[in-house]
Structure formats: structure tokens, C-alpha cells
């Protein structure tokens, strides 16, 4: 079940290119699901989990019964500026509709001044994708250099120089204080913590995601960040038949010197896909502890469309 109206997509490709066609980023064709007896309930949103009755309540007013429940709702884009939610030219990049709306806005202006807020994966991939379509593209980040938190200062500086060679400009070590907009809801300027006003035609927010677990508040014990704690088999701690996988799952980290915290939450594609496999094994009565070593990648300034990158295996 998914709130999105289309078949499941390879979401990570949305920030890596323009002119993305939906049918070219599908994880699997419709026939894949049909041949395996997988029913797809699209365009539906969960509002609550009734653990006692083993039901998932839907926004439509109906309910789904379950013997086993796998929660894989991922993350919701963060937005620290509520006023921007009503602005017509401020975008996140999470779903296909988001990417399509961003592309349409860029084309409508012609050569817009684009402001990208955030200097990690989504922000920098969006910058690399959009810079050729912009008259000016500026990245604002609170770190010293892009990717500093995950790659360190030296590699982050090298990444910044790569982007600068392509025409991207930077304001690092600052935060956005507020936004200015017209009466009809078009953002015109972003105000930095330094007081500087940045003119903009299009704004892209890439400031991370939070676990998309609002609908679980009445039924599950959530961590401060909204995540669910799971065991080494991805089963939700304190539940007998509920599993949580991907961005919302906080799981035991098996490498003894890999983390200061014995529980980690990692927002990357390979973790989500591997979590799903381990949840399936546990449901089938073949539990296998999750000991996959986390890794990540980023694709910037590639010479071929991102949807031609290899697809993951499905065996």
C-alpha cells in the first residue's frame, strides 16, 4: 500500500537528472508484481495502526487487516520554514511529482536564479543537475564545506571545487533566517543569518528527512526523532508481528567500533532494500540477523541519464 498513485520507483534517481520519465525509473514493471501475486493498493494513505485489532486504518475510512505488518514509509522531507509551504516556487525532491513540478518551474522561468538550501546528498545532486538550466545557482549550507559531515573537510572541499568549476556558487557556514514573498505566494528573496538577502526565482530544499511515522504516534513507541527501534531481524521492539525497514528504523549496529551508539538509523538506499529482505526472511520463519555493512554513493555530473544506471537484483 502506498499514498503515491504510481508503481514503486527508484526514488534516488529523482535528484540526479532532468527530463525523468516515470516509466523509466520504475523499480519493477506491473507484470513483476502480477506474476508474484503481489497486490498493489495505490493512492491510499494510512492514518493509524490498530495493533489490538491487527488493522491499518486508511484516510479513505476503510481498514486493512494483517497477520504481519511491514512499515516502510521512509522519510518525509524536513522543512524548517513553515511559511514556505504556501510558496509556489519552493520545492523538495522526494517524489516523482516533486521532481516534475521543479522541472516545470525551471522551464517556466527560462534561466532562473536557483537557490539550493542544503549541502549534502539531495542539495548537491540537485545543484549538479540544475546548474546548466540556471542563470545563477547558489548553494547555502551550514557546514564549512559540502558533505563535511559524511566525507570530511578535505573531500568536501574537493567536491565544492568540482561544483565551482561547473558554475555553482556557495555561501557556507550560514543558515537561512527567513524568506520574503509576493502577495500571491512567490518567493523572491531568502534572508541569511548574516542579514544578506539572496534573490531567487526557484528554491530547492535539501535539508534532510525525518521518519514518516506521524500515523504511528497513537500505536507505537517512537524515539525522539520519530524512528522505530527494531531488533537485529528488523522486528519492532515490543511487537510480535510488526517490522520496520529503511529510513524510519533504528537498528542494532553490529560493528563494534563503527558507532558510538549501539543503535543507528541510516537513510540510504541499500539499507532499506536489505532491511526488506531480512523482514521477509523473518516472516517466513527463516530469521537472519542484519549484518550488512552500510555504504552510500552519489552521482553528480554523469555523462548519461541516471535511469540507465544498473538496477538492483530481485532474487
C-alpha atoms as a PDB file:
ATOM      1  CA  UNK A   1       0.000   0.000   0.000  1.00  0.00           C
ATOM      2  CA  UNK A   2       1.282   3.458  -0.896  1.00  0.00           C
ATOM      3  CA  UNK A   3      -0.028   7.023  -0.836  1.00  0.00           C
ATOM      4  CA  UNK A   4       1.611   7.527  -4.239  1.00  0.00           C
ATOM      5  CA  UNK A   5      -0.604   6.829  -7.228  1.00  0.00           C
ATOM      6  CA  UNK A   6       2.068   5.209  -9.414  1.00  0.00           C
ATOM      7  CA  UNK A   7       4.052   1.975  -9.244  1.00  0.00           C
ATOM      8  CA  UNK A   8       7.061   1.934  -6.889  1.00  0.00           C
ATOM      9  CA  UNK A   9      10.000   3.903  -8.271  1.00  0.00           C
ATOM     10  CA  UNK A  10      13.756   4.074  -7.799  1.00  0.00           C
ATOM     11  CA  UNK A  11      13.474   7.258  -5.752  1.00  0.00           C
ATOM     12  CA  UNK A  12      17.186   8.057  -5.594  1.00  0.00           C
ATOM     13  CA  UNK A  13      17.202   8.913  -9.310  1.00  0.00           C
ATOM     14  CA  UNK A  14      14.877  11.886  -8.877  1.00  0.00           C
ATOM     15  CA  UNK A  15      17.665  14.267  -7.830  1.00  0.00           C
ATOM     16  CA  UNK A  16      20.147  13.075 -10.430  1.00  0.00           C
ATOM     17  CA  UNK A  17      18.688  14.320 -13.691  1.00  0.00           C
ATOM     18  CA  UNK A  18      16.073  16.343 -15.525  1.00  0.00           C
ATOM     19  CA  UNK A  19      13.524  15.077 -18.055  1.00  0.00           C
ATOM     20  CA  UNK A  20      12.921  11.990 -15.943  1.00  0.00           C
ATOM     21  CA  UNK A  21      10.238   9.734 -17.359  1.00  0.00           C
ATOM     22  CA  UNK A  22       8.158   7.781 -14.860  1.00  0.00           C
ATOM     23  CA  UNK A  23       8.178   4.530 -16.811  1.00  0.00           C
ATOM     24  CA  UNK A  24      11.993   4.583 -16.924  1.00  0.00           C
ATOM     25  CA  UNK A  25      12.519   4.795 -13.174  1.00  0.00           C
ATOM     26  CA  UNK A  26      10.059   2.108 -12.068  1.00  0.00           C
ATOM     27  CA  UNK A  27      11.645  -0.412  -9.727  1.00  0.00           C
ATOM     28  CA  UNK A  28       9.757  -3.190 -11.499  1.00  0.00           C
ATOM     29  CA  UNK A  29       7.100  -3.338 -14.229  1.00  0.00           C
ATOM     30  CA  UNK A  30       3.480  -4.131 -13.332  1.00  0.00           C
ATOM     31  CA  UNK A  31       3.971  -7.684 -14.651  1.00  0.00           C
ATOM     32  CA  UNK A  32       6.580  -8.357 -11.946  1.00  0.00           C
ATOM     33  CA  UNK A  33       4.005  -7.825  -9.201  1.00  0.00           C
ATOM     34  CA  UNK A  34       1.219  -9.642 -11.046  1.00  0.00           C
ATOM     35  CA  UNK A  35       3.332 -12.755 -11.653  1.00  0.00           C
ATOM     36  CA  UNK A  36       4.157 -12.992  -7.937  1.00  0.00           C
ATOM     37  CA  UNK A  37       0.655 -12.411  -6.641  1.00  0.00           C
ATOM     38  CA  UNK A  38       1.531  -9.030  -5.126  1.00  0.00           C
ATOM     39  CA  UNK A  39      -1.487  -6.762  -4.856  1.00  0.00           C
ATOM     40  CA  UNK A  40      -0.774  -3.040  -5.168  1.00  0.00           C
ATOM     41  CA  UNK A  41      -3.082  -0.618  -3.375  1.00  0.00           C
ATOM     42  CA  UNK A  42      -2.031   2.796  -4.670  1.00  0.00           C
ATOM     43  CA  UNK A  43      -3.206   6.286  -3.833  1.00  0.00           C
ATOM     44  CA  UNK A  44      -4.091   5.278  -0.260  1.00  0.00           C
ATOM     45  CA  UNK A  45      -2.699   6.709   2.971  1.00  0.00           C
ATOM     46  CA  UNK A  46      -2.506   5.115   6.402  1.00  0.00           C
ATOM     47  CA  UNK A  47      -3.727   7.223   9.320  1.00  0.00           C
ATOM     48  CA  UNK A  48      -3.412   4.795  12.228  1.00  0.00           C
ATOM     49  CA  UNK A  49      -2.387   1.267  13.186  1.00  0.00           C
ATOM     50  CA  UNK A  50      -4.792  -0.657  15.419  1.00  0.00           C
ATOM     51  CA  UNK A  51      -2.430  -3.182  16.977  1.00  0.00           C
ATOM     52  CA  UNK A  52      -5.086  -4.887  19.102  1.00  0.00           C
ATOM     53  CA  UNK A  53      -7.338  -5.452  16.101  1.00  0.00           C
ATOM     54  CA  UNK A  54      -4.415  -6.010  13.700  1.00  0.00           C
ATOM     55  CA  UNK A  55      -5.732  -3.401  11.293  1.00  0.00           C
ATOM     56  CA  UNK A  56      -4.324  -0.440   9.398  1.00  0.00           C
ATOM     57  CA  UNK A  57      -6.831   2.394   9.169  1.00  0.00           C
ATOM     58  CA  UNK A  58      -6.838   4.385   5.941  1.00  0.00           C
ATOM     59  CA  UNK A  59      -7.611   8.014   5.186  1.00  0.00           C
ATOM     60  CA  UNK A  60     -10.435   6.805   2.936  1.00  0.00           C
ATOM     61  CA  UNK A  61     -12.212   5.408   6.011  1.00  0.00           C
ATOM     62  CA  UNK A  62     -11.581   1.760   5.232  1.00  0.00           C
ATOM     63  CA  UNK A  63      -9.224  -0.633   7.030  1.00  0.00           C
ATOM     64  CA  UNK A  64      -6.790  -3.369   6.060  1.00  0.00           C
ATOM     65  CA  UNK A  65      -6.420  -6.472   8.240  1.00  0.00           C
ATOM     66  CA  UNK A  66      -2.980  -8.011   8.667  1.00  0.00           C
ATOM     67  CA  UNK A  67      -1.240 -11.037  10.114  1.00  0.00           C
ATOM     68  CA  UNK A  68       2.157  -9.431   9.554  1.00  0.00           C
ATOM     69  CA  UNK A  69       2.796  -5.737   9.055  1.00  0.00           C
ATOM     70  CA  UNK A  70       5.893  -4.223   7.422  1.00  0.00           C
ATOM     71  CA  UNK A  71       6.195  -0.462   7.859  1.00  0.00           C
ATOM     72  CA  UNK A  72       8.327   1.036   5.083  1.00  0.00           C
ATOM     73  CA  UNK A  73       7.083   4.620   4.875  1.00  0.00           C
ATOM     74  CA  UNK A  74      10.610   6.054   4.683  1.00  0.00           C
ATOM     75  CA  UNK A  75      11.297   9.689   5.388  1.00  0.00           C
ATOM     76  CA  UNK A  76       9.460  12.959   4.901  1.00  0.00           C
ATOM     77  CA  UNK A  77      11.486  15.993   3.736  1.00  0.00           C
ATOM     78  CA  UNK A  78      12.346  18.409   6.521  1.00  0.00           C
ATOM     79  CA  UNK A  79      11.193  21.999   6.258  1.00  0.00           C
ATOM     80  CA  UNK A  80      12.257  24.408   8.995  1.00  0.00           C
ATOM     81  CA  UNK A  81      10.382  27.341   7.448  1.00  0.00           C
ATOM     82  CA  UNK A  82       6.595  26.796   7.643  1.00  0.00           C
ATOM     83  CA  UNK A  83       5.907  29.917   5.582  1.00  0.00           C
ATOM     84  CA  UNK A  84       7.443  28.300   2.502  1.00  0.00           C
ATOM     85  CA  UNK A  85       4.796  25.562   2.375  1.00  0.00           C
ATOM     86  CA  UNK A  86       2.436  28.042   0.738  1.00  0.00           C
ATOM     87  CA  UNK A  87       5.030  29.439  -1.677  1.00  0.00           C
ATOM     88  CA  UNK A  88       4.648  28.401  -5.295  1.00  0.00           C
ATOM     89  CA  UNK A  89       8.341  28.271  -6.207  1.00  0.00           C
ATOM     90  CA  UNK A  90       9.798  26.405  -3.215  1.00  0.00           C
ATOM     91  CA  UNK A  91      10.322  22.672  -3.791  1.00  0.00           C
ATOM     92  CA  UNK A  92      11.517  19.488  -2.149  1.00  0.00           C
ATOM     93  CA  UNK A  93      12.730  16.466  -4.123  1.00  0.00           C
ATOM     94  CA  UNK A  94      11.156  13.351  -2.659  1.00  0.00           C
ATOM     95  CA  UNK A  95       8.505  12.053  -5.041  1.00  0.00           C
ATOM     96  CA  UNK A  96       8.073  11.966  -8.787  1.00  0.00           C
ATOM     97  CA  UNK A  97       5.502  14.762  -8.607  1.00  0.00           C
ATOM     98  CA  UNK A  98       8.039  16.913  -6.715  1.00  0.00           C
ATOM     99  CA  UNK A  99      10.674  16.418  -9.417  1.00  0.00           C
ATOM    100  CA  UNK A 100       8.160  17.097 -12.203  1.00  0.00           C
ATOM    101  CA  UNK A 101       6.946  20.295 -10.523  1.00  0.00           C
ATOM    102  CA  UNK A 102      10.517  21.531 -10.034  1.00  0.00           C
ATOM    103  CA  UNK A 103      11.380  20.891 -13.663  1.00  0.00           C
ATOM    104  CA  UNK A 104       8.234  22.701 -14.831  1.00  0.00           C
ATOM    105  CA  UNK A 105       9.060  25.729 -12.673  1.00  0.00           C
ATOM    106  CA  UNK A 106      12.613  25.937 -14.033  1.00  0.00           C
ATOM    107  CA  UNK A 107      11.366  25.738 -17.621  1.00  0.00           C
ATOM    108  CA  UNK A 108       8.681  28.364 -16.987  1.00  0.00           C
ATOM    109  CA  UNK A 109      11.238  30.992 -15.948  1.00  0.00           C
ATOM    110  CA  UNK A 110      13.773  30.145 -18.633  1.00  0.00           C
ATOM    111  CA  UNK A 111      17.113  30.805 -16.970  1.00  0.00           C
ATOM    112  CA  UNK A 112      16.134  31.259 -13.316  1.00  0.00           C
ATOM    113  CA  UNK A 113      18.185  32.235 -10.312  1.00  0.00           C
ATOM    114  CA  UNK A 114      18.121  28.999  -8.327  1.00  0.00           C
ATOM    115  CA  UNK A 115      18.776  28.765  -4.597  1.00  0.00           C
ATOM    116  CA  UNK A 116      19.594  25.331  -3.169  1.00  0.00           C
ATOM    117  CA  UNK A 117      19.407  25.068   0.611  1.00  0.00           C
ATOM    118  CA  UNK A 118      21.433  22.168   1.991  1.00  0.00           C
ATOM    119  CA  UNK A 119      24.871  20.879   1.017  1.00  0.00           C
ATOM    120  CA  UNK A 120      24.591  17.124   1.395  1.00  0.00           C
ATOM    121  CA  UNK A 121      23.243  14.463  -0.983  1.00  0.00           C
ATOM    122  CA  UNK A 122      19.952  15.931  -2.210  1.00  0.00           C
ATOM    123  CA  UNK A 123      21.172  19.508  -2.277  1.00  0.00           C
ATOM    124  CA  UNK A 124      24.410  18.820  -4.133  1.00  0.00           C
ATOM    125  CA  UNK A 125      22.859  16.383  -6.584  1.00  0.00           C
ATOM    126  CA  UNK A 126      20.126  18.913  -7.329  1.00  0.00           C
ATOM    127  CA  UNK A 127      22.765  21.607  -7.829  1.00  0.00           C
ATOM    128  CA  UNK A 128      24.690  19.447 -10.269  1.00  0.00           C
ATOM    129  CA  UNK A 129      21.506  18.682 -12.187  1.00  0.00           C
ATOM    130  CA  UNK A 130      20.119  22.235 -12.332  1.00  0.00           C
ATOM    131  CA  UNK A 131      23.189  24.439 -12.806  1.00  0.00           C
ATOM    132  CA  UNK A 132      23.085  24.271 -16.619  1.00  0.00           C
ATOM    133  CA  UNK A 133      19.469  25.428 -16.579  1.00  0.00           C
ATOM    134  CA  UNK A 134      20.137  28.420 -14.294  1.00  0.00           C
ATOM    135  CA  UNK A 135      21.414  31.930 -14.883  1.00  0.00           C
ATOM    136  CA  UNK A 136      22.888  31.593 -11.394  1.00  0.00           C
ATOM    137  CA  UNK A 137      22.826  28.745  -8.900  1.00  0.00           C
ATOM    138  CA  UNK A 138      23.747  29.295  -5.263  1.00  0.00           C
ATOM    139  CA  UNK A 139      24.091  26.630  -2.572  1.00  0.00           C
ATOM    140  CA  UNK A 140      23.634  27.698   1.042  1.00  0.00           C
ATOM    141  CA  UNK A 141      24.928  25.300   3.700  1.00  0.00           C
ATOM    142  CA  UNK A 142      25.569  25.437   7.422  1.00  0.00           C
ATOM    143  CA  UNK A 143      28.729  23.306   7.173  1.00  0.00           C
ATOM    144  CA  UNK A 144      32.199  24.579   6.260  1.00  0.00           C
ATOM    145  CA  UNK A 145      32.147  22.616   3.006  1.00  0.00           C
ATOM    146  CA  UNK A 146      29.623  20.349   1.264  1.00  0.00           C
ATOM    147  CA  UNK A 147      29.373  16.781   2.598  1.00  0.00           C
ATOM    148  CA  UNK A 148      31.539  17.696   5.594  1.00  0.00           C
ATOM    149  CA  UNK A 149      29.555  15.512   7.993  1.00  0.00           C
ATOM    150  CA  UNK A 150      29.841  12.337   5.910  1.00  0.00           C
ATOM    151  CA  UNK A 151      33.039  12.809   3.885  1.00  0.00           C
ATOM    152  CA  UNK A 152      35.139  15.176   5.976  1.00  0.00           C
ATOM    153  CA  UNK A 153      36.541  18.610   5.240  1.00  0.00           C
ATOM    154  CA  UNK A 154      39.211  17.659   2.673  1.00  0.00           C
ATOM    155  CA  UNK A 155      36.964  15.615   0.403  1.00  0.00           C
ATOM    156  CA  UNK A 156      34.129  18.070   0.939  1.00  0.00           C
ATOM    157  CA  UNK A 157      36.370  20.884  -0.279  1.00  0.00           C
ATOM    158  CA  UNK A 158      37.283  18.862  -3.356  1.00  0.00           C
ATOM    159  CA  UNK A 159      33.574  18.350  -4.073  1.00  0.00           C
ATOM    160  CA  UNK A 160      32.972  22.087  -3.681  1.00  0.00           C
ATOM    161  CA  UNK A 161      35.735  22.897  -6.163  1.00  0.00           C
ATOM    162  CA  UNK A 162      34.243  20.434  -8.659  1.00  0.00           C
ATOM    163  CA  UNK A 163      30.900  22.205  -8.428  1.00  0.00           C
ATOM    164  CA  UNK A 164      32.510  25.630  -8.666  1.00  0.00           C
ATOM    165  CA  UNK A 165      34.194  24.565 -11.910  1.00  0.00           C
ATOM    166  CA  UNK A 166      30.712  23.808 -13.246  1.00  0.00           C
ATOM    167  CA  UNK A 167      29.390  27.250 -12.266  1.00  0.00           C
ATOM    168  CA  UNK A 168      27.842  26.584  -8.836  1.00  0.00           C
ATOM    169  CA  UNK A 169      28.351  29.293  -6.194  1.00  0.00           C
ATOM    170  CA  UNK A 170      28.395  28.773  -2.437  1.00  0.00           C
ATOM    171  CA  UNK A 171      27.578  30.523   0.841  1.00  0.00           C
ATOM    172  CA  UNK A 172      28.821  28.128   3.511  1.00  0.00           C
ATOM    173  CA  UNK A 173      28.714  28.373   7.297  1.00  0.00           C
ATOM    174  CA  UNK A 174      25.413  30.278   7.274  1.00  0.00           C
ATOM    175  CA  UNK A 175      21.743  29.448   7.725  1.00  0.00           C
ATOM    176  CA  UNK A 176      18.524  30.783   6.271  1.00  0.00           C
ATOM    177  CA  UNK A 177      16.754  33.093   8.690  1.00  0.00           C
ATOM    178  CA  UNK A 178      13.571  33.830   6.717  1.00  0.00           C
ATOM    179  CA  UNK A 179      12.016  34.246   3.292  1.00  0.00           C
ATOM    180  CA  UNK A 180      10.329  37.114   1.515  1.00  0.00           C
ATOM    181  CA  UNK A 181       7.488  36.560  -0.941  1.00  0.00           C
ATOM    182  CA  UNK A 182       4.959  38.434  -3.037  1.00  0.00           C
ATOM    183  CA  UNK A 183       1.302  38.627  -2.036  1.00  0.00           C
ATOM    184  CA  UNK A 184       0.453  35.796  -4.417  1.00  0.00           C
ATOM    185  CA  UNK A 185       2.969  33.451  -2.793  1.00  0.00           C
ATOM    186  CA  UNK A 186       6.083  33.667  -4.962  1.00  0.00           C
ATOM    187  CA  UNK A 187       9.355  33.626  -3.030  1.00  0.00           C
ATOM    188  CA  UNK A 188      11.607  36.492  -4.093  1.00  0.00           C
ATOM    189  CA  UNK A 189      14.409  36.516  -1.504  1.00  0.00           C
ATOM    190  CA  UNK A 190      15.959  34.360   1.189  1.00  0.00           C
ATOM    191  CA  UNK A 191      17.435  36.195   4.166  1.00  0.00           C
ATOM    192  CA  UNK A 192      20.648  34.711   5.568  1.00  0.00           C
ATOM    193  CA  UNK A 193      21.726  34.738   9.202  1.00  0.00           C
ATOM    194  CA  UNK A 194      24.264  37.391   8.165  1.00  0.00           C
ATOM    195  CA  UNK A 195      21.444  39.668   7.008  1.00  0.00           C
ATOM    196  CA  UNK A 196      22.292  39.229   3.333  1.00  0.00           C
ATOM    197  CA  UNK A 197      19.295  38.881   1.018  1.00  0.00           C
ATOM    198  CA  UNK A 198      19.561  36.301  -1.764  1.00  0.00           C
ATOM    199  CA  UNK A 199      17.297  36.894  -4.798  1.00  0.00           C
ATOM    200  CA  UNK A 200      15.745  33.729  -6.188  1.00  0.00           C
ATOM    201  CA  UNK A 201      13.277  32.513  -8.804  1.00  0.00           C
ATOM    202  CA  UNK A 202      13.323  28.852  -7.715  1.00  0.00           C
ATOM    203  CA  UNK A 203      14.205  27.405  -4.300  1.00  0.00           C
ATOM    204  CA  UNK A 204      15.113  23.769  -3.614  1.00  0.00           C
ATOM    205  CA  UNK A 205      15.066  22.498  -0.022  1.00  0.00           C
ATOM    206  CA  UNK A 206      17.535  19.684   0.626  1.00  0.00           C
ATOM    207  CA  UNK A 207      17.881  19.790   4.401  1.00  0.00           C
ATOM    208  CA  UNK A 208      17.307  16.137   5.181  1.00  0.00           C
ATOM    209  CA  UNK A 209      14.353  13.958   6.067  1.00  0.00           C
ATOM    210  CA  UNK A 210      12.579  12.829   9.222  1.00  0.00           C
ATOM    211  CA  UNK A 211      10.954   9.409   9.722  1.00  0.00           C
ATOM    212  CA  UNK A 212       7.491   9.431   8.151  1.00  0.00           C
ATOM    213  CA  UNK A 213       5.771   7.972  11.207  1.00  0.00           C
ATOM    214  CA  UNK A 214       3.188  10.550  12.244  1.00  0.00           C
ATOM    215  CA  UNK A 215       0.413   7.982  11.801  1.00  0.00           C
ATOM    216  CA  UNK A 216       2.058   5.695  14.395  1.00  0.00           C
ATOM    217  CA  UNK A 217       2.003   8.104  17.338  1.00  0.00           C
ATOM    218  CA  UNK A 218      -1.051   6.514  18.961  1.00  0.00           C
ATOM    219  CA  UNK A 219       0.046   2.911  18.488  1.00  0.00           C
ATOM    220  CA  UNK A 220       3.844   2.663  18.713  1.00  0.00           C
ATOM    221  CA  UNK A 221       6.603   3.926  20.952  1.00  0.00           C
ATOM    222  CA  UNK A 222       8.598   6.347  18.824  1.00  0.00           C
ATOM    223  CA  UNK A 223      12.065   7.703  19.504  1.00  0.00           C
ATOM    224  CA  UNK A 224      12.640  11.452  19.810  1.00  0.00           C
ATOM    225  CA  UNK A 225      13.358  11.706  16.095  1.00  0.00           C
ATOM    226  CA  UNK A 226      10.217   9.733  15.231  1.00  0.00           C
ATOM    227  CA  UNK A 227      12.009   6.477  14.442  1.00  0.00           C
ATOM    228  CA  UNK A 228      11.063   2.949  15.491  1.00  0.00           C
ATOM    229  CA  UNK A 229      13.561   0.748  17.332  1.00  0.00           C
ATOM    230  CA  UNK A 230      13.894  -2.700  15.785  1.00  0.00           C
ATOM    231  CA  UNK A 231      15.902  -5.799  16.668  1.00  0.00           C
ATOM    232  CA  UNK A 232      18.552  -7.457  14.529  1.00  0.00           C
ATOM    233  CA  UNK A 233      15.793  -9.075  12.435  1.00  0.00           C
ATOM    234  CA  UNK A 234      14.055  -5.689  11.802  1.00  0.00           C
ATOM    235  CA  UNK A 235      11.119  -6.616  14.076  1.00  0.00           C
ATOM    236  CA  UNK A 236       9.795  -3.651  16.050  1.00  0.00           C
ATOM    237  CA  UNK A 237      10.840  -3.994  19.684  1.00  0.00           C
ATOM    238  CA  UNK A 238       7.781  -4.729  21.823  1.00  0.00           C
ATOM    239  CA  UNK A 239       5.698  -6.029  18.911  1.00  0.00           C
ATOM    240  CA  UNK A 240       5.223  -9.629  17.876  1.00  0.00           C
ATOM    241  CA  UNK A 241       4.231  -9.225  14.231  1.00  0.00           C
ATOM    242  CA  UNK A 242       5.327  -5.750  13.095  1.00  0.00           C
ATOM    243  CA  UNK A 243       8.510  -4.966  11.200  1.00  0.00           C
ATOM    244  CA  UNK A 244      10.024  -1.589  10.292  1.00  0.00           C
ATOM    245  CA  UNK A 245      12.543  -1.117   7.496  1.00  0.00           C
ATOM    246  CA  UNK A 246      14.502   1.657   5.862  1.00  0.00           C
ATOM    247  CA  UNK A 247      14.810   5.312   6.861  1.00  0.00           C
ATOM    248  CA  UNK A 248      12.478   5.022   9.852  1.00  0.00           C
ATOM    249  CA  UNK A 249      14.159   2.009  11.500  1.00  0.00           C
ATOM    250  CA  UNK A 250      16.720   2.393  14.292  1.00  0.00           C
ATOM    251  CA  UNK A 251      18.564  -0.910  14.423  1.00  0.00           C
ATOM    252  CA  UNK A 252      21.480  -2.544  16.329  1.00  0.00           C
ATOM    253  CA  UNK A 253      24.813  -1.778  14.692  1.00  0.00           C
ATOM    254  CA  UNK A 254      26.905  -4.943  14.619  1.00  0.00           C
ATOM    255  CA  UNK A 255      30.378  -3.485  14.007  1.00  0.00           C
ATOM    256  CA  UNK A 256      31.985  -2.968  17.448  1.00  0.00           C
ATOM    257  CA  UNK A 257      33.900   0.204  16.590  1.00  0.00           C
ATOM    258  CA  UNK A 258      31.649   1.611  13.894  1.00  0.00           C
ATOM    259  CA  UNK A 259      29.424   3.820  16.012  1.00  0.00           C
ATOM    260  CA  UNK A 260      29.290   5.448  19.427  1.00  0.00           C
ATOM    261  CA  UNK A 261      25.618   4.492  19.639  1.00  0.00           C
ATOM    262  CA  UNK A 262      24.672   0.773  19.616  1.00  0.00           C
ATOM    263  CA  UNK A 263      21.553   1.740  17.643  1.00  0.00           C
ATOM    264  CA  UNK A 264      21.769   3.568  14.316  1.00  0.00           C
ATOM    265  CA  UNK A 265      19.401   4.930  11.683  1.00  0.00           C
ATOM    266  CA  UNK A 266      20.863   5.207   8.185  1.00  0.00           C
ATOM    267  CA  UNK A 267      18.978   6.953   5.389  1.00  0.00           C
ATOM    268  CA  UNK A 268      20.439   5.197   2.370  1.00  0.00           C
ATOM    269  CA  UNK A 269      19.048   3.021  -0.378  1.00  0.00           C
ATOM    270  CA  UNK A 270      20.995  -0.163   0.336  1.00  0.00           C
ATOM    271  CA  UNK A 271      19.887  -0.250   3.978  1.00  0.00           C
ATOM    272  CA  UNK A 272      16.214  -0.032   3.006  1.00  0.00           C
ATOM    273  CA  UNK A 273      16.469  -2.767   0.377  1.00  0.00           C
ATOM    274  CA  UNK A 274      18.424  -5.109   2.648  1.00  0.00           C
ATOM    275  CA  UNK A 275      16.089  -4.448   5.591  1.00  0.00           C
ATOM    276  CA  UNK A 276      13.187  -5.558   3.403  1.00  0.00           C
ATOM    277  CA  UNK A 277      14.879  -8.857   2.613  1.00  0.00           C
ATOM    278  CA  UNK A 278      15.558  -9.560   6.292  1.00  0.00           C
ATOM    279  CA  UNK A 279      11.981  -8.741   7.276  1.00  0.00           C
ATOM    280  CA  UNK A 280      10.739 -11.178   4.647  1.00  0.00           C
ATOM    281  CA  UNK A 281      13.049 -13.920   5.910  1.00  0.00           C
ATOM    282  CA  UNK A 282      11.831 -13.445   9.481  1.00  0.00           C
ATOM    283  CA  UNK A 283       8.176 -13.594   8.410  1.00  0.00           C
ATOM    284  CA  UNK A 284       8.912 -16.807   6.505  1.00  0.00           C
ATOM    285  CA  UNK A 285      10.368 -18.354   9.646  1.00  0.00           C
ATOM    286  CA  UNK A 286      13.953 -18.102   8.423  1.00  0.00           C
ATOM    287  CA  UNK A 287      15.283 -15.221  10.550  1.00  0.00           C
ATOM    288  CA  UNK A 288      18.734 -13.917   9.700  1.00  0.00           C
ATOM    289  CA  UNK A 289      20.425 -11.173  11.694  1.00  0.00           C
ATOM    290  CA  UNK A 290      21.035  -7.963   9.775  1.00  0.00           C
ATOM    291  CA  UNK A 291      24.817  -7.505   9.480  1.00  0.00           C
ATOM    292  CA  UNK A 292      25.091  -5.696   6.154  1.00  0.00           C
ATOM    293  CA  UNK A 293      27.879  -3.104   6.075  1.00  0.00           C
ATOM    294  CA  UNK A 294      26.316   0.276   5.221  1.00  0.00           C
ATOM    295  CA  UNK A 295      27.526   2.123   2.157  1.00  0.00           C
ATOM    296  CA  UNK A 296      26.341   5.023   0.051  1.00  0.00           C
ATOM    297  CA  UNK A 297      27.051   6.656  -3.274  1.00  0.00           C
ATOM    298  CA  UNK A 298      26.295   9.877  -5.051  1.00  0.00           C
ATOM    299  CA  UNK A 299      26.011  10.567  -8.771  1.00  0.00           C
ATOM    300  CA  UNK A 300      26.934  14.060  -9.969  1.00  0.00           C
ATOM    301  CA  UNK A 301      27.791  15.378 -13.421  1.00  0.00           C
ATOM    302  CA  UNK A 302      27.333  11.970 -15.031  1.00  0.00           C
ATOM    303  CA  UNK A 303      27.526  11.800 -18.824  1.00  0.00           C
ATOM    304  CA  UNK A 304      24.496   9.546 -19.223  1.00  0.00           C
ATOM    305  CA  UNK A 305      20.925   9.675 -17.877  1.00  0.00           C
ATOM    306  CA  UNK A 306      20.689   8.373 -14.336  1.00  0.00           C
ATOM    307  CA  UNK A 307      17.927   5.902 -15.200  1.00  0.00           C
ATOM    308  CA  UNK A 308      20.473   3.884 -17.202  1.00  0.00           C
ATOM    309  CA  UNK A 309      22.363   3.032 -14.027  1.00  0.00           C
ATOM    310  CA  UNK A 310      22.158  -0.682 -13.145  1.00  0.00           C
ATOM    311  CA  UNK A 311      19.026  -1.867 -11.367  1.00  0.00           C
ATOM    312  CA  UNK A 312      19.315  -3.840  -8.126  1.00  0.00           C
ATOM    313  CA  UNK A 313      18.834  -7.614  -8.294  1.00  0.00           C
ATOM    314  CA  UNK A 314      15.478  -9.013  -7.187  1.00  0.00           C
ATOM    315  CA  UNK A 315      16.419 -12.611  -6.384  1.00  0.00           C
END
